[in-house]
Amino acid sequence: MKILFFVRLIYLAQVLSFHFIQNIYVRPLLGKGNKRFPVDLRAGDVSSEASMKIKELASPLLDADLIANTIEEWTKPLPKPYLSAPVIMVGPSGVGKGRMTKVLLHDYFRFFKKVVTHTSRNPRRDEINGTSYIFLEREELERQISQGLFIEHAVVHNNLYGVSKLKWEECRNSSKIILLEVNIEGARTIKRQASNLGIRPKFIFVSPTNISQLRERLIER
């Protein structure tokens, strides 16, 4: 996994170099009416002069074999052992679990899928129902929990949170690595049920820089 990550990093650096060449050297060779940029040489976007200039400047920077191998790796499905090792973000409320999850989903959406947690609290102004959380009335959430529809649930700051079996299975069937945010109690429940769920979870504990900073974040909410 680490090797593949560094291969992708090298590929990204090469792509950025290629785009730099197009912006600095090639753009002046394009006609004003050409709206497609960066250019696609195969689509006939540029003149033969511009095409030759791109190839001349880019050839020392680009490793065609490396790019081809990287693209091939990206298109392969993830190995099965990865799919049985969900990443569990653990920490107190306000510590930054959500922000870290957003970064992972943004930069590595090809590999991760988040389990959307249910909660009885009201949504904040920047939260979207069904994406950030699934917001339900407390009575309805308690009813579903009593029916055994949840893998884990806990009360945090007088609000009820839980991970439903349905959402968990949706993520398992996506052929991606499950990504989940829970508090300490939720992590303990996942750890106890790991063998029944057929998983080998990887726990990442997110610790606050200091307690006073965490208190300020919670007050701001």
Protein backbone atom coordinates (compact mmCIF):
# COMPACT_ATOMS: atom_id res chain seq x y z
CA MET A 1 0.00 0.00 0.00
CA LYS A 2 2.83 2.40 0.90
CA ILE A 3 4.70 1.58 -2.30
CA LEU A 4 1.57 2.21 -4.36
CA PHE A 5 1.04 5.52 -2.57
CA PHE A 6 4.55 6.74 -3.46
CA VAL A 7 4.09 5.61 -7.07
CA ARG A 8 0.94 7.73 -7.23
CA LEU A 9 2.82 10.64 -5.64
CA ILE A 10 5.52 10.45 -8.32
CA TYR A 11 2.85 10.28 -11.01
CA LEU A 12 1.12 13.35 -9.57
CA ALA A 13 4.39 15.29 -9.59
CA GLN A 14 4.92 14.39 -13.23
CA VAL A 15 1.39 15.42 -14.17
CA LEU A 16 1.88 18.77 -12.41
CA SER A 17 5.14 19.27 -14.29
CA PHE A 18 3.34 18.51 -17.54
CA HIS A 19 0.60 21.05 -16.75
CA PHE A 20 3.25 23.62 -15.86
CA ILE A 21 4.82 23.12 -19.29
CA GLN A 22 1.46 23.61 -20.98
CA ASN A 23 0.71 26.81 -19.05
CA ILE A 24 4.11 28.46 -19.47
CA TYR A 25 5.25 27.29 -22.89
CA VAL A 26 2.31 25.94 -24.84
CA ARG A 27 -0.59 28.30 -24.08
CA PRO A 28 0.91 31.07 -26.28
CA LEU A 29 0.89 28.60 -29.19
CA LEU A 30 -2.87 28.00 -28.89
CA GLY A 31 -5.38 30.09 -30.74
CA LYS A 32 -7.59 32.48 -28.77
CA GLY A 33 -10.69 30.56 -29.80
CA ASN A 34 -9.46 27.31 -28.26
CA LYS A 35 -11.38 26.81 -25.01
CA ARG A 36 -10.12 23.32 -24.20
CA PHE A 37 -7.27 23.52 -21.72
CA PRO A 38 -5.21 21.60 -20.68
CA VAL A 39 -4.98 20.38 -24.23
CA ASP A 40 -5.57 16.85 -25.43
CA LEU A 41 -3.09 15.94 -28.14
CA ARG A 42 -5.25 13.02 -29.31
CA ALA A 43 -8.28 15.28 -29.80
CA GLY A 44 -6.47 17.55 -32.27
CA ASP A 45 -6.66 20.53 -29.92
CA VAL A 46 -3.36 22.04 -31.02
CA SER A 47 -1.35 22.60 -34.13
CA SER A 48 1.52 20.28 -35.07
CA GLU A 49 3.92 23.00 -33.88
CA ALA A 50 2.37 23.10 -30.41
CA SER A 51 2.18 19.31 -30.28
CA MET A 52 5.89 18.99 -31.07
CA LYS A 53 6.70 21.63 -28.45
CA ILE A 54 4.77 19.75 -25.75
CA LYS A 55 6.48 16.47 -26.56
CA GLU A 56 9.90 18.11 -26.69
CA LEU A 57 9.54 19.77 -23.29
CA ALA A 58 7.65 16.96 -21.55
CA SER A 59 9.67 13.94 -22.66
CA PRO A 60 12.50 14.42 -20.09
CA LEU A 61 9.95 14.75 -17.27
CA LEU A 62 7.46 12.01 -18.04
CA ASP A 63 8.06 8.30 -17.57
CA ALA A 64 5.56 6.65 -19.90
CA ASP A 65 6.03 3.19 -18.38
CA LEU A 66 5.51 4.51 -14.85
CA ILE A 67 2.36 6.37 -15.86
CA ALA A 68 0.96 3.32 -17.68
CA ASN A 69 1.70 1.04 -14.70
CA THR A 70 0.17 3.54 -12.26
CA ILE A 71 -3.03 3.84 -14.29
CA GLU A 72 -3.22 0.06 -14.45
CA GLU A 73 -2.85 -0.17 -10.64
CA TRP A 74 -5.57 2.43 -10.14
CA THR A 75 -8.04 0.42 -12.18
CA LYS A 76 -7.48 -2.80 -10.23
CA PRO A 77 -9.92 -3.69 -7.44
CA LEU A 78 -8.59 -3.44 -3.90
CA PRO A 79 -7.21 -6.68 -2.41
CA LYS A 80 -9.74 -8.51 -0.22
CA PRO A 81 -7.65 -8.16 2.98
CA TYR A 82 -7.98 -4.36 2.64
CA LEU A 83 -11.77 -4.61 2.46
CA SER A 84 -11.94 -6.49 5.76
CA ALA A 85 -9.85 -3.85 7.58
CA PRO A 86 -12.07 -0.80 8.10
CA VAL A 87 -10.46 2.42 9.31
CA ILE A 88 -12.10 3.61 12.53
CA MET A 89 -11.56 7.27 13.48
CA VAL A 90 -11.83 7.49 17.26
CA GLY A 91 -11.86 10.52 19.51
CA PRO A 92 -13.99 12.92 21.55
CA SER A 93 -16.50 15.28 19.96
CA GLY A 94 -14.90 18.33 18.37
CA VAL A 95 -11.43 16.82 18.03
CA GLY A 96 -11.40 16.84 14.22
CA LYS A 97 -12.44 13.32 13.18
CA GLY A 98 -14.87 14.70 10.63
CA ARG A 99 -12.29 16.96 9.03
CA MET A 100 -9.79 14.13 8.67
CA THR A 101 -12.48 11.92 7.16
CA LYS A 102 -13.40 14.60 4.61
CA VAL A 103 -9.77 14.88 3.52
CA LEU A 104 -9.47 11.12 3.05
CA LEU A 105 -12.72 10.96 1.08
CA HIS A 106 -11.69 13.91 -1.07
CA ASP A 107 -8.15 12.76 -1.88
CA TYR A 108 -8.71 8.98 -1.87
CA PHE A 109 -12.37 8.55 -2.82
CA ARG A 110 -11.30 5.64 -5.03
CA PHE A 111 -10.41 3.62 -1.91
CA PHE A 112 -12.67 4.74 0.95
CA LYS A 113 -16.40 4.91 1.67
CA LYS A 114 -17.80 6.42 4.83
CA VAL A 115 -20.49 4.80 6.92
CA VAL A 116 -23.07 7.54 7.51
CA THR A 117 -23.97 7.54 11.20
CA HIS A 118 -27.49 8.09 12.59
CA THR A 119 -28.06 10.71 15.27
CA SER A 120 -30.92 12.27 17.22
CA ARG A 121 -29.34 15.72 17.44
CA ASN A 122 -30.29 18.65 15.22
CA PRO A 123 -28.15 19.28 12.12
CA ARG A 124 -25.64 22.11 12.16
CA ARG A 125 -25.85 24.73 9.42
CA ASP A 126 -23.11 23.13 7.28
CA GLU A 127 -24.41 19.54 7.60
CA ILE A 128 -26.44 17.65 5.01
CA ASN A 129 -28.92 14.95 5.97
CA GLY A 130 -27.84 11.62 4.51
CA THR A 131 -24.27 12.78 3.89
CA SER A 132 -22.97 14.21 7.16
CA TYR A 133 -25.37 12.18 9.33
CA ILE A 134 -28.81 10.66 9.08
CA PHE A 135 -30.91 12.84 11.38
CA LEU A 136 -33.87 11.18 13.10
CA GLU A 137 -36.18 11.97 15.98
CA ARG A 138 -34.90 10.37 19.17
CA GLU A 139 -38.02 8.20 19.56
CA GLU A 140 -37.64 6.80 16.05
CA LEU A 141 -33.93 6.14 16.52
CA GLU A 142 -34.59 4.38 19.84
CA ARG A 143 -37.28 2.26 18.17
CA GLN A 144 -34.89 1.13 15.42
CA ILE A 145 -32.18 0.34 17.98
CA SER A 146 -34.63 -1.74 20.02
CA GLN A 147 -35.36 -3.77 16.87
CA GLY A 148 -31.69 -4.74 16.63
CA LEU A 149 -31.03 -2.72 13.47
CA PHE A 150 -27.79 -1.18 14.74
CA ILE A 151 -24.24 -2.47 15.15
CA GLU A 152 -23.40 0.02 17.85
CA HIS A 153 -24.99 3.03 19.54
CA ALA A 154 -24.12 5.44 22.34
CA VAL A 155 -25.30 8.60 24.05
CA VAL A 156 -22.90 11.52 23.58
CA HIS A 157 -23.67 14.92 25.16
CA ASN A 158 -27.30 13.84 25.66
CA ASN A 159 -27.64 12.96 21.96
CA LEU A 160 -28.03 9.45 20.59
CA TYR A 161 -25.67 8.17 17.88
CA GLY A 162 -25.55 4.82 16.13
CA VAL A 163 -24.23 2.81 13.18
CA SER A 164 -26.96 0.93 11.37
CA LYS A 165 -26.44 -2.54 9.92
CA LEU A 166 -27.92 -1.36 6.62
CA LYS A 167 -25.40 1.47 6.15
CA TRP A 168 -22.57 -0.81 7.23
CA GLU A 169 -23.50 -3.42 4.64
CA GLU A 170 -23.86 -0.78 1.93
CA CYS A 171 -20.24 0.19 2.52
CA ARG A 172 -19.07 -3.42 2.63
CA ASN A 173 -20.67 -4.06 -0.74
CA SER A 174 -18.98 -1.03 -2.33
CA SER A 175 -15.61 -2.83 -2.70
CA LYS A 176 -13.99 0.04 -0.83
CA ILE A 177 -12.35 0.37 2.59
CA ILE A 178 -14.93 1.24 5.24
CA LEU A 179 -14.34 4.56 6.99
CA LEU A 180 -16.15 5.20 10.27
CA GLU A 181 -16.16 7.95 12.91
CA VAL A 182 -17.01 6.93 16.48
CA ASN A 183 -16.38 7.98 20.06
CA ILE A 184 -14.52 5.89 22.62
CA GLU A 185 -17.53 3.77 23.56
CA GLY A 186 -18.35 3.13 19.92
CA ALA A 187 -14.78 1.97 19.29
CA ARG A 188 -15.04 -0.50 22.16
CA THR A 189 -18.26 -1.92 20.71
CA ILE A 190 -16.71 -2.29 17.24
CA LYS A 191 -13.69 -4.01 18.77
CA ARG A 192 -15.91 -6.47 20.69
CA GLN A 193 -17.93 -7.30 17.60
CA ALA A 194 -15.00 -7.47 15.16
CA SER A 195 -14.97 -11.27 14.92
CA ASN A 196 -18.76 -11.45 14.41
CA LEU A 197 -18.53 -8.81 11.69
CA GLY A 198 -15.62 -10.59 10.03
CA ILE A 199 -13.34 -7.55 10.16
CA ARG A 200 -9.89 -6.56 11.39
CA PRO A 201 -10.45 -2.89 12.21
CA LYS A 202 -7.62 -0.35 12.24
CA PHE A 203 -8.23 2.23 14.96
CA ILE A 204 -6.87 5.77 14.68
CA PHE A 205 -7.21 7.79 17.87
CA VAL A 206 -7.42 11.55 17.22
CA SER A 207 -6.20 13.42 20.28
CA PRO A 208 -6.81 17.13 20.92
CA THR A 209 -3.83 19.46 21.13
CA ASN A 210 -5.03 20.46 24.59
CA ILE A 211 -8.23 20.25 26.62
CA SER A 212 -8.87 24.00 26.67
CA GLN A 213 -8.82 24.15 22.86
CA LEU A 214 -11.26 21.23 22.68
CA ARG A 215 -13.54 22.96 25.20
CA GLU A 216 -13.55 26.13 23.05
CA ARG A 217 -14.54 24.12 19.96
CA LEU A 218 -17.44 22.50 21.78
CA ILE A 219 -18.64 25.85 23.15
CA GLU A 220 -18.57 27.35 19.63
CA ARG A 221 -20.89 24.58 18.45
